[in-house]
Amino acid sequence: MSDAALYFKFEIVSPERVVLKADAKQVSIPTVDGEITVLPLHIPLVSLLKSGVIEVILADGGRDVMAVSGGLVEILANKVVVLADSAERAEELNEAAIETAKVKAEELKEQARHEDSVEFARLSALIERETARSSALKRWKKLKNIN
């Protein structure tokens, strides 16, 4: 078996930047149909993303964790490209800022519940995003044995 069959090219891009571009052995991705795990030579697939955590096992054995909200993923036999509405590496996240944003969004959502269905939906999506960011940070800390 060639080395190319042991890993694939992985890229995650947000409108602001390339978040990660690396060779990977495995990646777990939250899609609207459920979480999928991609290994080398995966069947081709295109799917919509939902807010959640992406975890990558890199070709060198390292791991990376990212929070995403929305977008799509294209999977080819030797390449996975994630085009995310927003994406952040867990190591870049601030736990206190996440919690503050989440609490504020929950308060505003409660107010919007009776007044504005569009605002209610926007705030619900924001809460999902903050929850994904929090989950990514917790998973990364667990991987790195950080309290």
Protein backbone atom coordinates (compact mmCIF):
# COMPACT_ATOMS: atom_id res chain seq x y z
CA MET A 1 0.00 0.00 0.00
CA SER A 2 1.43 3.40 -0.92
CA ASP A 3 1.84 6.23 1.59
CA ALA A 4 -0.86 8.16 -0.30
CA ALA A 5 -3.39 5.52 0.76
CA LEU A 6 -2.51 6.15 4.42
CA TYR A 7 -3.57 9.80 4.52
CA PHE A 8 -5.46 12.48 2.58
CA LYS A 9 -5.26 16.22 2.09
CA PHE A 10 -7.46 18.13 4.54
CA GLU A 11 -8.38 21.79 4.31
CA ILE A 12 -10.79 23.89 6.33
CA VAL A 13 -11.53 27.41 5.13
CA SER A 14 -13.73 30.18 6.51
CA PRO A 15 -14.52 33.47 4.76
CA GLU A 16 -11.72 35.09 6.78
CA ARG A 17 -8.88 32.60 6.35
CA VAL A 18 -7.51 29.12 5.82
CA VAL A 19 -7.93 27.63 9.30
CA LEU A 20 -5.96 24.43 8.66
CA LYS A 21 -4.34 22.79 5.65
CA ALA A 22 -2.60 19.50 6.42
CA ASP A 23 -2.24 15.81 5.66
CA ALA A 24 -4.68 13.77 7.77
CA LYS A 25 -5.32 10.13 8.67
CA GLN A 26 -8.86 10.74 9.92
CA VAL A 27 -11.34 13.57 10.42
CA SER A 28 -14.71 13.63 12.20
CA ILE A 29 -17.17 16.20 10.86
CA PRO A 30 -20.63 17.31 12.10
CA THR A 31 -23.08 17.21 9.19
CA VAL A 32 -26.81 17.89 9.15
CA ASP A 33 -27.31 14.13 8.78
CA GLY A 34 -25.08 13.27 11.74
CA GLU A 35 -21.38 13.08 12.51
CA ILE A 36 -19.25 11.34 9.92
CA THR A 37 -15.70 10.07 10.18
CA VAL A 38 -13.60 10.22 7.04
CA LEU A 39 -10.68 7.88 6.43
CA PRO A 40 -8.38 7.66 3.37
CA LEU A 41 -10.10 6.52 0.17
CA HIS A 42 -13.56 7.53 1.47
CA ILE A 43 -16.34 7.50 -1.11
CA PRO A 44 -17.04 10.91 -2.68
CA LEU A 45 -19.62 12.93 -0.77
CA VAL A 46 -20.91 16.48 -0.42
CA SER A 47 -22.85 17.42 2.71
CA LEU A 48 -24.02 20.45 4.66
CA LEU A 49 -22.37 21.16 8.00
CA LYS A 50 -24.08 21.92 11.26
CA SER A 51 -22.53 23.71 14.21
CA GLY A 52 -20.20 21.38 16.03
CA VAL A 53 -16.67 20.12 16.51
CA ILE A 54 -14.25 18.88 13.86
CA GLU A 55 -11.47 16.65 15.13
CA VAL A 56 -8.54 15.77 12.89
CA ILE A 57 -5.89 13.11 13.38
CA LEU A 58 -2.94 14.41 11.42
CA ALA A 59 -0.58 12.27 9.33
CA ASP A 60 2.14 12.76 11.97
CA GLY A 61 -0.20 11.43 14.70
CA GLY A 62 -1.00 14.84 16.20
CA ARG A 63 -4.57 15.98 16.73
CA ASP A 64 -6.34 19.24 16.05
CA VAL A 65 -9.79 20.36 17.18
CA MET A 66 -11.90 23.11 15.63
CA ALA A 67 -15.34 24.63 16.13
CA VAL A 68 -17.47 25.19 13.03
CA SER A 69 -20.86 26.64 12.35
CA GLY A 70 -22.55 25.98 9.05
CA GLY A 71 -21.07 25.48 5.61
CA LEU A 72 -20.38 22.40 3.55
CA VAL A 73 -17.88 19.61 3.17
CA GLU A 74 -16.67 17.96 -0.03
CA ILE A 75 -15.04 14.57 0.32
CA LEU A 76 -13.01 13.00 -2.46
CA ALA A 77 -10.90 9.83 -2.34
CA ASN A 78 -7.74 11.74 -1.39
CA LYS A 79 -8.98 15.18 -0.29
CA VAL A 80 -11.46 16.70 2.16
CA VAL A 81 -12.38 20.36 1.90
CA VAL A 82 -14.54 22.09 4.51
CA LEU A 83 -15.99 25.47 3.55
CA ALA A 84 -17.29 26.76 6.87
CA ASP A 85 -19.42 29.80 7.62
CA SER A 86 -17.16 30.20 10.64
CA ALA A 87 -14.30 28.05 11.91
CA GLU A 88 -11.84 28.46 14.76
CA ARG A 89 -9.12 26.27 16.16
CA ALA A 90 -9.87 25.32 19.76
CA GLU A 91 -6.52 26.63 20.99
CA GLU A 92 -7.59 30.13 19.84
CA LEU A 93 -10.79 30.16 21.90
CA ASN A 94 -11.40 31.97 25.18
CA GLU A 95 -13.67 30.12 27.62
CA ALA A 96 -14.85 33.22 29.50
CA ALA A 97 -15.73 35.08 26.29
CA ILE A 98 -17.65 32.06 24.99
CA GLU A 99 -19.69 31.75 28.19
CA THR A 100 -20.45 35.50 28.24
CA ALA A 101 -21.62 35.45 24.61
CA LYS A 102 -23.74 32.36 25.21
CA VAL A 103 -25.47 33.79 28.30
CA LYS A 104 -26.18 37.10 26.52
CA ALA A 105 -27.60 35.29 23.47
CA GLU A 106 -29.83 33.13 25.69
CA GLU A 107 -31.20 36.22 27.44
CA LEU A 108 -31.89 37.97 24.13
CA LYS A 109 -33.45 34.81 22.73
CA GLU A 110 -35.92 34.70 25.62
CA GLN A 111 -36.93 38.29 24.88
CA ALA A 112 -37.25 37.62 21.12
CA ARG A 113 -39.36 34.48 21.67
CA HIS A 114 -42.56 36.50 21.77
CA GLU A 115 -41.65 39.33 19.42
CA ASP A 116 -39.55 38.38 16.40
CA SER A 117 -39.26 34.90 14.90
CA VAL A 118 -36.34 35.89 12.62
CA GLU A 119 -34.35 37.27 15.56
CA PHE A 120 -35.26 34.18 17.59
CA ALA A 121 -33.82 31.93 14.85
CA ARG A 122 -30.66 34.07 14.55
CA LEU A 123 -30.08 33.90 18.28
CA SER A 124 -30.72 30.15 18.33
CA ALA A 125 -28.00 29.74 15.68
CA LEU A 126 -25.68 31.94 17.72
CA ILE A 127 -26.24 29.78 20.79
CA GLU A 128 -25.47 26.66 18.72
CA ARG A 129 -22.24 28.30 17.53
CA GLU A 130 -21.17 29.21 21.08
CA THR A 131 -22.02 25.70 22.27
CA ALA A 132 -19.85 24.25 19.48
CA ARG A 133 -17.00 26.58 20.43
CA SER A 134 -17.28 25.52 24.08
CA SER A 135 -17.34 21.82 23.14
CA ALA A 136 -14.28 22.22 20.90
CA LEU A 137 -12.35 23.95 23.66
CA LYS A 138 -13.28 21.26 26.21
CA ARG A 139 -12.27 18.46 23.82
CA TRP A 140 -8.96 20.18 23.00
CA LYS A 141 -8.19 20.68 26.70
CA LYS A 142 -8.94 17.02 27.37
CA LEU A 143 -6.59 15.96 24.53
CA LYS A 144 -3.85 18.22 25.87
CA ASN A 145 -4.54 17.35 29.56
CA ILE A 146 -5.28 20.99 30.40
CA ASN A 147 -7.64 21.78 33.26
